[in-house]
Amino acid sequence: MRASSLQLTDEEFEDYTSGKRIPTSFKNSISTYVMRSIGNSIKRIDGLLSKQAELVGKVEQLEAGIERDSEQFKCQVNEFINQDYPDEIKKIIENNKKAAKEEENSGS
């Protein structure tokens, strides 16, 4: 193969064979591939951004639910702690406290 058979100058032929020059059609195919690849990447990124937004919304809902449930639980515990016990239970609690103090005093 010679430059003249390809209708190229000797300089063009040397540039093509040494890799200094790339045929235009090859450049176009590379450009097309790169653009297609970039387009696909952008679509994937858009999809990931949509999923991220969806997940952020779900996390916010979950956090709100946890906060609401925690407040309800706290209120229920406080109601239980502050409830008025029947007299019998109050006596048992007082007797247990007295017994604990007596044990503490006799052990010293």
PDB file of N, CA and C in Angstrom:
ATOM      1  N   MET A   1       0.856  -1.162   0.000  1.00  0.00           N
ATOM      2  CA  MET A   1       0.000   0.000   0.000  1.00  0.00           C
ATOM      3  C   MET A   1       0.907   1.231   0.000  1.00  0.00           C
ATOM      4  N   ARG A   2       0.542   2.141  -0.844  1.00  0.00           N
ATOM      5  CA  ARG A   2       1.320   3.373  -1.002  1.00  0.00           C
ATOM      6  C   ARG A   2       0.406   4.583  -0.917  1.00  0.00           C
ATOM      7  N   ALA A   3       1.017   5.726  -0.652  1.00  0.00           N
ATOM      8  CA  ALA A   3       0.262   6.977  -0.565  1.00  0.00           C
ATOM      9  C   ALA A   3      -0.488   7.258  -1.849  1.00  0.00           C
ATOM     10  N   SER A   4       0.144   7.018  -2.979  1.00  0.00           N
ATOM     11  CA  SER A   4      -0.490   7.323  -4.266  1.00  0.00           C
ATOM     12  C   SER A   4      -1.691   6.423  -4.526  1.00  0.00           C
ATOM     13  N   SER A   5      -1.642   5.166  -4.090  1.00  0.00           N
ATOM     14  CA  SER A   5      -2.778   4.266  -4.324  1.00  0.00           C
ATOM     15  C   SER A   5      -3.987   4.657  -3.472  1.00  0.00           C
ATOM     16  N   LEU A   6      -3.741   5.349  -2.379  1.00  0.00           N
ATOM     17  CA  LEU A   6      -4.835   5.820  -1.515  1.00  0.00           C
ATOM     18  C   LEU A   6      -5.212   7.266  -1.813  1.00  0.00           C
ATOM     19  N   GLN A   7      -4.604   7.827  -2.790  1.00  0.00           N
ATOM     20  CA  GLN A   7      -4.826   9.218  -3.189  1.00  0.00           C
ATOM     21  C   GLN A   7      -4.513  10.179  -2.038  1.00  0.00           C
ATOM     22  N   LEU A   8      -3.363   9.911  -1.369  1.00  0.00           N
ATOM     23  CA  LEU A   8      -2.896  10.761  -0.284  1.00  0.00           C
ATOM     24  C   LEU A   8      -1.512  11.279  -0.632  1.00  0.00           C
ATOM     25  N   THR A   9      -1.175  12.401  -0.005  1.00  0.00           N
ATOM     26  CA  THR A   9       0.207  12.869  -0.157  1.00  0.00           C
ATOM     27  C   THR A   9       1.084  12.001   0.731  1.00  0.00           C
ATOM     28  N   ASP A  10       2.382  12.029   0.477  1.00  0.00           N
ATOM     29  CA  ASP A  10       3.300  11.244   1.308  1.00  0.00           C
ATOM     30  C   ASP A  10       3.208  11.664   2.777  1.00  0.00           C
ATOM     31  N   GLU A  11       3.025  12.954   3.008  1.00  0.00           N
ATOM     32  CA  GLU A  11       2.917  13.470   4.374  1.00  0.00           C
ATOM     33  C   GLU A  11       1.654  12.936   5.060  1.00  0.00           C
ATOM     34  N   GLU A  12       0.498  12.978   4.354  1.00  0.00           N
ATOM     35  CA  GLU A  12      -0.755  12.453   4.913  1.00  0.00           C
ATOM     36  C   GLU A  12      -0.630  10.963   5.199  1.00  0.00           C
ATOM     37  N   PHE A  13      -0.047  10.237   4.262  1.00  0.00           N
ATOM     38  CA  PHE A  13       0.128   8.795   4.422  1.00  0.00           C
ATOM     39  C   PHE A  13       0.972   8.504   5.671  1.00  0.00           C
ATOM     40  N   GLU A  14       2.053   9.239   5.846  1.00  0.00           N
ATOM     41  CA  GLU A  14       2.941   9.060   7.003  1.00  0.00           C
ATOM     42  C   GLU A  14       2.202   9.393   8.297  1.00  0.00           C
ATOM     43  N   ASP A  15       1.410  10.469   8.282  1.00  0.00           N
ATOM     44  CA  ASP A  15       0.645  10.862   9.472  1.00  0.00           C
ATOM     45  C   ASP A  15      -0.372   9.791   9.860  1.00  0.00           C
ATOM     46  N   TYR A  16      -1.074   9.230   8.881  1.00  0.00           N
ATOM     47  CA  TYR A  16      -2.058   8.178   9.162  1.00  0.00           C
ATOM     48  C   TYR A  16      -1.382   6.915   9.686  1.00  0.00           C
ATOM     49  N   THR A  17      -0.306   6.512   9.058  1.00  0.00           N
ATOM     50  CA  THR A  17       0.354   5.265   9.466  1.00  0.00           C
ATOM     51  C   THR A  17       1.074   5.408  10.798  1.00  0.00           C
ATOM     52  N   SER A  18       1.471   6.602  11.171  1.00  0.00           N
ATOM     53  CA  SER A  18       2.154   6.803  12.455  1.00  0.00           C
ATOM     54  C   SER A  18       1.163   7.097  13.591  1.00  0.00           C
ATOM     55  N   GLY A  19      -0.103   7.327  13.263  1.00  0.00           N
ATOM     56  CA  GLY A  19      -1.107   7.605  14.284  1.00  0.00           C
ATOM     57  C   GLY A  19      -1.245   9.071  14.628  1.00  0.00           C
ATOM     58  N   LYS A  20      -0.529   9.935  13.944  1.00  0.00           N
ATOM     59  CA  LYS A  20      -0.650  11.376  14.189  1.00  0.00           C
ATOM     60  C   LYS A  20      -1.983  11.911  13.693  1.00  0.00           C
ATOM     61  N   ARG A  21      -2.540  11.234  12.720  1.00  0.00           N
ATOM     62  CA  ARG A  21      -3.788  11.660  12.109  1.00  0.00           C
ATOM     63  C   ARG A  21      -4.766  10.491  12.171  1.00  0.00           C
ATOM     64  N   ILE A  22      -6.034  10.802  12.424  1.00  0.00           N
ATOM     65  CA  ILE A  22      -7.079   9.773  12.479  1.00  0.00           C
ATOM     66  C   ILE A  22      -8.095  10.085  11.394  1.00  0.00           C
ATOM     67  N   PRO A  23      -8.559   9.070  10.670  1.00  0.00           N
ATOM     68  CA  PRO A  23      -9.571   9.321   9.636  1.00  0.00           C
ATOM     69  C   PRO A  23     -10.823   9.971  10.224  1.00  0.00           C
ATOM     70  N   THR A  24     -11.426  10.865   9.477  1.00  0.00           N
ATOM     71  CA  THR A  24     -12.608  11.593   9.930  1.00  0.00           C
ATOM     72  C   THR A  24     -13.740  10.655  10.312  1.00  0.00           C
ATOM     73  N   SER A  25     -13.970   9.626   9.543  1.00  0.00           N
ATOM     74  CA  SER A  25     -15.059   8.693   9.859  1.00  0.00           C
ATOM     75  C   SER A  25     -14.807   8.004  11.195  1.00  0.00           C
ATOM     76  N   PHE A  26     -13.558   7.721  11.510  1.00  0.00           N
ATOM     77  CA  PHE A  26     -13.221   7.099  12.791  1.00  0.00           C
ATOM     78  C   PHE A  26     -13.472   8.082  13.930  1.00  0.00           C
ATOM     79  N   LYS A  27     -13.097   9.355  13.705  1.00  0.00           N
ATOM     80  CA  LYS A  27     -13.353  10.388  14.706  1.00  0.00           C
ATOM     81  C   LYS A  27     -14.844  10.499  14.983  1.00  0.00           C
ATOM     82  N   ASN A  28     -15.637  10.469  13.900  1.00  0.00           N
ATOM     83  CA  ASN A  28     -17.088  10.575  14.052  1.00  0.00           C
ATOM     84  C   ASN A  28     -17.640   9.404  14.843  1.00  0.00           C
ATOM     85  N   SER A  29     -17.140   8.199  14.589  1.00  0.00           N
ATOM     86  CA  SER A  29     -17.657   7.041  15.316  1.00  0.00           C
ATOM     87  C   SER A  29     -17.267   7.118  16.789  1.00  0.00           C
ATOM     88  N   ILE A  30     -16.058   7.623  17.075  1.00  0.00           N
ATOM     89  CA  ILE A  30     -15.658   7.803  18.472  1.00  0.00           C
ATOM     90  C   ILE A  30     -16.537   8.859  19.131  1.00  0.00           C
ATOM     91  N   SER A  31     -16.767   9.955  18.431  1.00  0.00           N
ATOM     92  CA  SER A  31     -17.609  11.023  18.982  1.00  0.00           C
ATOM     93  C   SER A  31     -19.013  10.516  19.260  1.00  0.00           C
ATOM     94  N   THR A  32     -19.549   9.743  18.328  1.00  0.00           N
ATOM     95  CA  THR A  32     -20.888   9.180  18.509  1.00  0.00           C
ATOM     96  C   THR A  32     -20.920   8.270  19.733  1.00  0.00           C
ATOM     97  N   TYR A  33     -19.918   7.416  19.864  1.00  0.00           N
ATOM     98  CA  TYR A  33     -19.842   6.504  21.009  1.00  0.00           C
ATOM     99  C   TYR A  33     -19.749   7.293  22.314  1.00  0.00           C
ATOM    100  N   VAL A  34     -18.894   8.308  22.338  1.00  0.00           N
ATOM    101  CA  VAL A  34     -18.713   9.115  23.546  1.00  0.00           C
ATOM    102  C   VAL A  34     -20.010   9.827  23.907  1.00  0.00           C
ATOM    103  N   MET A  35     -20.673  10.412  22.927  1.00  0.00           N
ATOM    104  CA  MET A  35     -21.928  11.120  23.194  1.00  0.00           C
ATOM    105  C   MET A  35     -23.004  10.161  23.697  1.00  0.00           C
ATOM    106  N   ARG A  36     -23.067   8.982  23.096  1.00  0.00           N
ATOM    107  CA  ARG A  36     -24.042   7.980  23.536  1.00  0.00           C
ATOM    108  C   ARG A  36     -23.731   7.557  24.977  1.00  0.00           C
ATOM    109  N   SER A  37     -22.467   7.364  25.263  1.00  0.00           N
ATOM    110  CA  SER A  37     -22.052   6.978  26.607  1.00  0.00           C
ATOM    111  C   SER A  37     -22.386   8.065  27.623  1.00  0.00           C
ATOM    112  N   ILE A  38     -22.131   9.314  27.254  1.00  0.00           N
ATOM    113  CA  ILE A  38     -22.466  10.436  28.137  1.00  0.00           C
ATOM    114  C   ILE A  38     -23.975  10.505  28.357  1.00  0.00           C
ATOM    115  N   GLY A  39     -24.740  10.327  27.294  1.00  0.00           N
ATOM    116  CA  GLY A  39     -26.203  10.341  27.409  1.00  0.00           C
ATOM    117  C   GLY A  39     -26.705   9.250  28.345  1.00  0.00           C
ATOM    118  N   ASN A  40     -26.145   8.045  28.208  1.00  0.00           N
ATOM    119  CA  ASN A  40     -26.539   6.943  29.093  1.00  0.00           C
ATOM    120  C   ASN A  40     -26.164   7.242  30.541  1.00  0.00           C
ATOM    121  N   SER A  41     -24.995   7.827  30.727  1.00  0.00           N
ATOM    122  CA  SER A  41     -24.563   8.174  32.084  1.00  0.00           C
ATOM    123  C   SER A  41     -25.493   9.208  32.702  1.00  0.00           C
ATOM    124  N   ILE A  42     -25.899  10.185  31.916  1.00  0.00           N
ATOM    125  CA  ILE A  42     -26.816  11.216  32.415  1.00  0.00           C
ATOM    126  C   ILE A  42     -28.158  10.596  32.799  1.00  0.00           C
ATOM    127  N   LYS A  43     -28.647   9.661  31.977  1.00  0.00           N
ATOM    128  CA  LYS A  43     -29.911   8.985  32.302  1.00  0.00           C
ATOM    129  C   LYS A  43     -29.783   8.217  33.614  1.00  0.00           C
ATOM    130  N   ARG A  44     -28.658   7.537  33.791  1.00  0.00           N
ATOM    131  CA  ARG A  44     -28.445   6.784  35.038  1.00  0.00           C
ATOM    132  C   ARG A  44     -28.387   7.725  36.234  1.00  0.00           C
ATOM    133  N   ILE A  45     -27.686   8.840  36.066  1.00  0.00           N
ATOM    134  CA  ILE A  45     -27.585   9.812  37.158  1.00  0.00           C
ATOM    135  C   ILE A  45     -28.961  10.376  37.488  1.00  0.00           C
ATOM    136  N   ASP A  46     -29.762  10.690  36.472  1.00  0.00           N
ATOM    137  CA  ASP A  46     -31.126  11.176  36.713  1.00  0.00           C
ATOM    138  C   ASP A  46     -31.934  10.143  37.486  1.00  0.00           C
ATOM    139  N   GLY A  47     -31.801   8.875  37.092  1.00  0.00           N
ATOM    140  CA  GLY A  47     -32.505   7.805  37.792  1.00  0.00           C
ATOM    141  C   GLY A  47     -32.066   7.700  39.242  1.00  0.00           C
ATOM    142  N   LEU A  48     -30.765   7.811  39.475  1.00  0.00           N
ATOM    143  CA  LEU A  48     -30.246   7.743  40.840  1.00  0.00           C
ATOM    144  C   LEU A  48     -30.703   8.939  41.669  1.00  0.00           C
ATOM    145  N   LEU A  49     -30.754  10.116  41.049  1.00  0.00           N
ATOM    146  CA  LEU A  49     -31.234  11.298  41.767  1.00  0.00           C
ATOM    147  C   LEU A  49     -32.699  11.147  42.157  1.00  0.00           C
ATOM    148  N   SER A  50     -33.494  10.558  41.268  1.00  0.00           N
ATOM    149  CA  SER A  50     -34.910  10.323  41.580  1.00  0.00           C
ATOM    150  C   SER A  50     -35.040   9.348  42.743  1.00  0.00           C
ATOM    151  N   LYS A  51     -34.260   8.274  42.690  1.00  0.00           N
ATOM    152  CA  LYS A  51     -34.300   7.292  43.783  1.00  0.00           C
ATOM    153  C   LYS A  51     -33.831   7.916  45.089  1.00  0.00           C
ATOM    154  N   GLN A  52     -32.810   8.763  45.014  1.00  0.00           N
ATOM    155  CA  GLN A  52     -32.310   9.429  46.210  1.00  0.00           C
ATOM    156  C   GLN A  52     -33.399  10.310  46.816  1.00  0.00           C
ATOM    157  N   ALA A  53     -34.084  11.076  45.979  1.00  0.00           N
ATOM    158  CA  ALA A  53     -35.153  11.954  46.468  1.00  0.00           C
ATOM    159  C   ALA A  53     -36.261  11.128  47.118  1.00  0.00           C
ATOM    160  N   GLU A  54     -36.582  10.004  46.501  1.00  0.00           N
ATOM    161  CA  GLU A  54     -37.612   9.118  47.052  1.00  0.00           C
ATOM    162  C   GLU A  54     -37.172   8.574  48.414  1.00  0.00           C
ATOM    163  N   LEU A  55     -35.918   8.157  48.510  1.00  0.00           N
ATOM    164  CA  LEU A  55     -35.402   7.628  49.773  1.00  0.00           C
ATOM    165  C   LEU A  55     -35.345   8.699  50.855  1.00  0.00           C
ATOM    166  N   VAL A  56     -34.977   9.915  50.478  1.00  0.00           N
ATOM    167  CA  VAL A  56     -34.943  11.011  51.449  1.00  0.00           C
ATOM    168  C   VAL A  56     -36.345  11.240  52.009  1.00  0.00           C
ATOM    169  N   GLY A  57     -37.345  11.206  51.149  1.00  0.00           N
ATOM    170  CA  GLY A  57     -38.727  11.361  51.602  1.00  0.00           C
ATOM    171  C   GLY A  57     -39.132  10.260  52.565  1.00  0.00           C
ATOM    172  N   LYS A  58     -38.754   9.029  52.245  1.00  0.00           N
ATOM    173  CA  LYS A  58     -39.088   7.903  53.127  1.00  0.00           C
ATOM    174  C   LYS A  58     -38.366   8.011  54.466  1.00  0.00           C
ATOM    175  N   VAL A  59     -37.109   8.444  54.444  1.00  0.00           N
ATOM    176  CA  VAL A  59     -36.349   8.614  55.687  1.00  0.00           C
ATOM    177  C   VAL A  59     -36.993   9.696  56.546  1.00  0.00           C
ATOM    178  N   GLU A  60     -37.413  10.790  55.927  1.00  0.00           N
ATOM    179  CA  GLU A  60     -38.066  11.867  56.680  1.00  0.00           C
ATOM    180  C   GLU A  60     -39.365  11.381  57.303  1.00  0.00           C
ATOM    181  N   GLN A  61     -40.141  10.577  56.563  1.00  0.00           N
ATOM    182  CA  GLN A  61     -41.373  10.011  57.112  1.00  0.00           C
ATOM    183  C   GLN A  61     -41.063   9.093  58.287  1.00  0.00           C
ATOM    184  N   LEU A  62     -40.035   8.278  58.131  1.00  0.00           N
ATOM    185  CA  LEU A  62     -39.645   7.355  59.191  1.00  0.00           C
ATOM    186  C   LEU A  62     -39.209   8.116  60.438  1.00  0.00           C
ATOM    187  N   GLU A  63     -38.400   9.154  60.258  1.00  0.00           N
ATOM    188  CA  GLU A  63     -37.955   9.967  61.392  1.00  0.00           C
ATOM    189  C   GLU A  63     -39.140  10.611  62.103  1.00  0.00           C
ATOM    190  N   ALA A  64     -40.087  11.121  61.341  1.00  0.00           N
ATOM    191  CA  ALA A  64     -41.274  11.748  61.938  1.00  0.00           C
ATOM    192  C   ALA A  64     -42.079  10.716  62.722  1.00  0.00           C
ATOM    193  N   GLY A  65     -42.217   9.515  62.166  1.00  0.00           N
ATOM    194  CA  GLY A  65     -42.942   8.448  62.858  1.00  0.00           C
ATOM    195  C   GLY A  65     -42.250   8.035  64.142  1.00  0.00           C
ATOM    196  N   ILE A  66     -40.933   7.927  64.094  1.00  0.00           N
ATOM    197  CA  ILE A  66     -40.175   7.553  65.294  1.00  0.00           C
ATOM    198  C   ILE A  66     -40.320   8.627  66.364  1.00  0.00           C
ATOM    199  N   GLU A  67     -40.229   9.878  65.953  1.00  0.00           N
ATOM    200  CA  GLU A  67     -40.371  10.981  66.907  1.00  0.00           C
ATOM    201  C   GLU A  67     -41.765  10.979  67.536  1.00  0.00           C
ATOM    202  N   ARG A  68     -42.789  10.784  66.714  1.00  0.00           N
ATOM    203  CA  ARG A  68     -44.172  10.756  67.208  1.00  0.00           C
ATOM    204  C   ARG A  68     -44.365   9.594  68.186  1.00  0.00           C
ATOM    205  N   ASP A  69     -43.879   8.406  67.805  1.00  0.00           N
ATOM    206  CA  ASP A  69     -44.028   7.229  68.661  1.00  0.00           C
ATOM    207  C   ASP A  69     -43.247   7.381  69.964  1.00  0.00           C
ATOM    208  N   SER A  70     -42.076   8.015  69.884  1.00  0.00           N
ATOM    209  CA  SER A  70     -41.267   8.238  71.090  1.00  0.00           C
ATOM    210  C   SER A  70     -41.999   9.157  72.061  1.00  0.00           C
ATOM    211  N   GLU A  71     -42.617  10.200  71.535  1.00  0.00           N
ATOM    212  CA  GLU A  71     -43.378  11.120  72.384  1.00  0.00           C
ATOM    213  C   GLU A  71     -44.562  10.403  73.037  1.00  0.00           C
ATOM    214  N   GLN A  72     -45.267   9.593  72.258  1.00  0.00           N
ATOM    215  CA  GLN A  72     -46.401   8.848  72.810  1.00  0.00           C
ATOM    216  C   GLN A  72     -45.936   7.896  73.907  1.00  0.00           C
ATOM    217  N   PHE A  73     -44.829   7.208  73.672  1.00  0.00           N
ATOM    218  CA  PHE A  73     -44.299   6.266  74.655  1.00  0.00           C
ATOM    219  C   PHE A  73     -43.890   7.006  75.927  1.00  0.00           C
ATOM    220  N   LYS A  74     -43.226   8.149  75.756  1.00  0.00           N
ATOM    221  CA  LYS A  74     -42.798   8.959  76.895  1.00  0.00           C
ATOM    222  C   LYS A  74     -44.008   9.397  77.721  1.00  0.00           C
ATOM    223  N   CYS A  75     -45.069   9.817  77.053  1.00  0.00           N
ATOM    224  CA  CYS A  75     -46.295  10.231  77.752  1.00  0.00           C
ATOM    225  C   CYS A  75     -46.910   9.064  78.516  1.00  0.00           C
ATOM    226  N   GLN A  76     -46.938   7.896  77.887  1.00  0.00           N
ATOM    227  CA  GLN A  76     -47.503   6.721  78.546  1.00  0.00           C
ATOM    228  C   GLN A  76     -46.689   6.327  79.776  1.00  0.00           C
ATOM    229  N   VAL A  77     -45.364   6.389  79.666  1.00  0.00           N
ATOM    230  CA  VAL A  77     -44.507   6.064  80.813  1.00  0.00           C
ATOM    231  C   VAL A  77     -44.740   7.067  81.931  1.00  0.00           C
ATOM    232  N   ASN A  78     -44.806   8.355  81.587  1.00  0.00           N
ATOM    233  CA  ASN A  78     -45.050   9.378  82.609  1.00  0.00           C
ATOM    234  C   ASN A  78     -46.410   9.192  83.272  1.00  0.00           C
ATOM    235  N   GLU A  79     -47.425   8.848  82.506  1.00  0.00           N
ATOM    236  CA  GLU A  79     -48.748   8.589  83.076  1.00  0.00           C
ATOM    237  C   GLU A  79     -48.685   7.421  84.049  1.00  0.00           C
ATOM    238  N   PHE A  80     -47.964   6.383  83.673  1.00  0.00           N
ATOM    239  CA  PHE A  80     -47.849   5.204  84.535  1.00  0.00           C
ATOM    240  C   PHE A  80     -47.113   5.556  85.824  1.00  0.00           C
ATOM    241  N   ILE A  81     -46.022   6.306  85.694  1.00  0.00           N
ATOM    242  CA  ILE A  81     -45.227   6.672  86.869  1.00  0.00           C
ATOM    243  C   ILE A  81     -46.023   7.577  87.801  1.00  0.00           C
ATOM    244  N   ASN A  82     -46.777   8.487  87.238  1.00  0.00           N
ATOM    245  CA  ASN A  82     -47.493   9.479  88.039  1.00  0.00           C
ATOM    246  C   ASN A  82     -48.902   9.053  88.445  1.00  0.00           C
ATOM    247  N   GLN A  83     -49.257   7.851  88.129  1.00  0.00           N
ATOM    248  CA  GLN A  83     -50.618   7.437  88.468  1.00  0.00           C
ATOM    249  C   GLN A  83     -50.766   7.283  89.982  1.00  0.00           C
ATOM    250  N   ASP A  84     -51.983   7.386  90.438  1.00  0.00           N
ATOM    251  CA  ASP A  84     -52.279   7.251  91.859  1.00  0.00           C
ATOM    252  C   ASP A  84     -52.502   5.774  92.157  1.00  0.00           C
ATOM    253  N   TYR A  85     -51.593   5.211  92.962  1.00  0.00           N
ATOM    254  CA  TYR A  85     -51.685   3.784  93.270  1.00  0.00           C
ATOM    255  C   TYR A  85     -52.753   3.549  94.338  1.00  0.00           C
ATOM    256  N   PRO A  86     -53.361   2.378  94.340  1.00  0.00           N
ATOM    257  CA  PRO A  86     -54.312   2.035  95.410  1.00  0.00           C
ATOM    258  C   PRO A  86     -53.576   1.999  96.762  1.00  0.00           C
ATOM    259  N   ASP A  87     -54.337   2.178  97.837  1.00  0.00           N
ATOM    260  CA  ASP A  87     -53.748   2.236  99.181  1.00  0.00           C
ATOM    261  C   ASP A  87     -52.932   0.993  99.511  1.00  0.00           C
ATOM    262  N   GLU A  88     -53.395  -0.168  99.094  1.00  0.00           N
ATOM    263  CA  GLU A  88     -52.673  -1.410  99.406  1.00  0.00           C
ATOM    264  C   GLU A  88     -51.268  -1.399  98.791  1.00  0.00           C
ATOM    265  N   ILE A  89     -51.170  -0.937  97.573  1.00  0.00           N
ATOM    266  CA  ILE A  89     -49.871  -0.897  96.893  1.00  0.00           C
ATOM    267  C   ILE A  89     -48.984   0.165  97.542  1.00  0.00           C
ATOM    268  N   LYS A  90     -49.590   1.293  97.943  1.00  0.00           N
ATOM    269  CA  LYS A  90     -48.816   2.332  98.616  1.00  0.00           C
ATOM    270  C   LYS A  90     -48.207   1.788  99.910  1.00  0.00           C
ATOM    271  N   LYS A  91     -48.977   0.999 100.670  1.00  0.00           N
ATOM    272  CA  LYS A  91     -48.480   0.418 101.922  1.00  0.00           C
ATOM    273  C   LYS A  91     -47.323  -0.539 101.641  1.00  0.00           C
ATOM    274  N   ILE A  92     -47.451  -1.344 100.601  1.00  0.00           N
ATOM    275  CA  ILE A  92     -46.389  -2.291 100.246  1.00  0.00           C
ATOM    276  C   ILE A  92     -45.109  -1.533  99.886  1.00  0.00           C
ATOM    277  N   ILE A  93     -45.249  -0.475  99.123  1.00  0.00           N
ATOM    278  CA  ILE A  93     -44.090   0.329  98.721  1.00  0.00           C
ATOM    279  C   ILE A  93     -43.432   0.948  99.953  1.00  0.00           C
ATOM    280  N   GLU A  94     -44.250   1.517 100.870  1.00  0.00           N
ATOM    281  CA  GLU A  94     -43.710   2.123 102.090  1.00  0.00           C
ATOM    282  C   GLU A  94     -43.016   1.082 102.954  1.00  0.00           C
ATOM    283  N   ASN A  95     -43.632  -0.085 103.113  1.00  0.00           N
ATOM    284  CA  ASN A  95     -43.028  -1.150 103.920  1.00  0.00           C
ATOM    285  C   ASN A  95     -41.695  -1.603 103.321  1.00  0.00           C
ATOM    286  N   ASN A  96     -41.635  -1.703 102.007  1.00  0.00           N
ATOM    287  CA  ASN A  96     -40.378  -2.099 101.352  1.00  0.00           C
ATOM    288  C   ASN A  96     -39.291  -1.051 101.575  1.00  0.00           C
ATOM    289  N   LYS A  97     -39.667   0.214 101.514  1.00  0.00           N
ATOM    290  CA  LYS A  97     -38.698   1.280 101.758  1.00  0.00           C
ATOM    291  C   LYS A  97     -38.186   1.224 103.198  1.00  0.00           C
ATOM    292  N   LYS A  98     -39.122   1.020 104.173  1.00  0.00           N
ATOM    293  CA  LYS A  98     -38.739   0.938 105.585  1.00  0.00           C
ATOM    294  C   LYS A  98     -37.812  -0.250 105.815  1.00  0.00           C
ATOM    295  N   ALA A  99     -38.144  -1.384 105.214  1.00  0.00           N
ATOM    296  CA  ALA A  99     -37.322  -2.589 105.387  1.00  0.00           C
ATOM    297  C   ALA A  99     -35.927  -2.373 104.807  1.00  0.00           C
ATOM    298  N   ALA A 100     -35.852  -1.709 103.695  1.00  0.00           N
ATOM    299  CA  ALA A 100     -34.549  -1.441 103.077  1.00  0.00           C
ATOM    300  C   ALA A 100     -33.719  -0.524 103.971  1.00  0.00           C
ATOM    301  N   LYS A 101     -34.355   0.484 104.598  1.00  0.00           N
ATOM    302  CA  LYS A 101     -33.633   1.392 105.489  1.00  0.00           C
ATOM    303  C   LYS A 101     -33.163   0.655 106.739  1.00  0.00           C
ATOM    304  N   GLU A 102     -34.027  -0.197 107.297  1.00  0.00           N
ATOM    305  CA  GLU A 102     -33.667  -0.947 108.503  1.00  0.00           C
ATOM    306  C   GLU A 102     -32.486  -1.872 108.227  1.00  0.00           C
ATOM    307  N   GLU A 103     -32.502  -2.525 107.078  1.00  0.00           N
ATOM    308  CA  GLU A 103     -31.386  -3.402 106.712  1.00  0.00           C
ATOM    309  C   GLU A 103     -30.113  -2.596 106.566  1.00  0.00           C
ATOM    310  N   GLU A 104     -30.254  -1.440 105.985  1.00  0.00           N
ATOM    311  CA  GLU A 104     -29.100  -0.569 105.770  1.00  0.00           C
ATOM    312  C   GLU A 104     -28.525  -0.120 107.110  1.00  0.00           C
ATOM    313  N   ASN A 105     -29.422   0.257 108.053  1.00  0.00           N
ATOM    314  CA  ASN A 105     -28.984   0.738 109.368  1.00  0.00           C
ATOM    315  C   ASN A 105     -28.409  -0.392 110.215  1.00  0.00           C
ATOM    316  N   SER A 106     -28.980  -1.566 110.147  1.00  0.00           N
ATOM    317  CA  SER A 106     -28.490  -2.692 110.957  1.00  0.00           C
ATOM    318  C   SER A 106     -27.194  -3.267 110.395  1.00  0.00           C
ATOM    319  N   GLY A 107     -26.967  -3.092 109.144  1.00  0.00           N
ATOM    320  CA  GLY A 107     -25.752  -3.596 108.504  1.00  0.00           C
ATOM    321  C   GLY A 107     -24.559  -2.693 108.742  1.00  0.00           C
ATOM    322  N   SER A 108     -24.763  -1.470 109.181  1.00  0.00           N
ATOM    323  CA  SER A 108     -23.659  -0.526 109.346  1.00  0.00           C
ATOM    324  C   SER A 108     -22.895  -0.738 110.609  1.00  0.00           C
TER     325      SER A 108
END
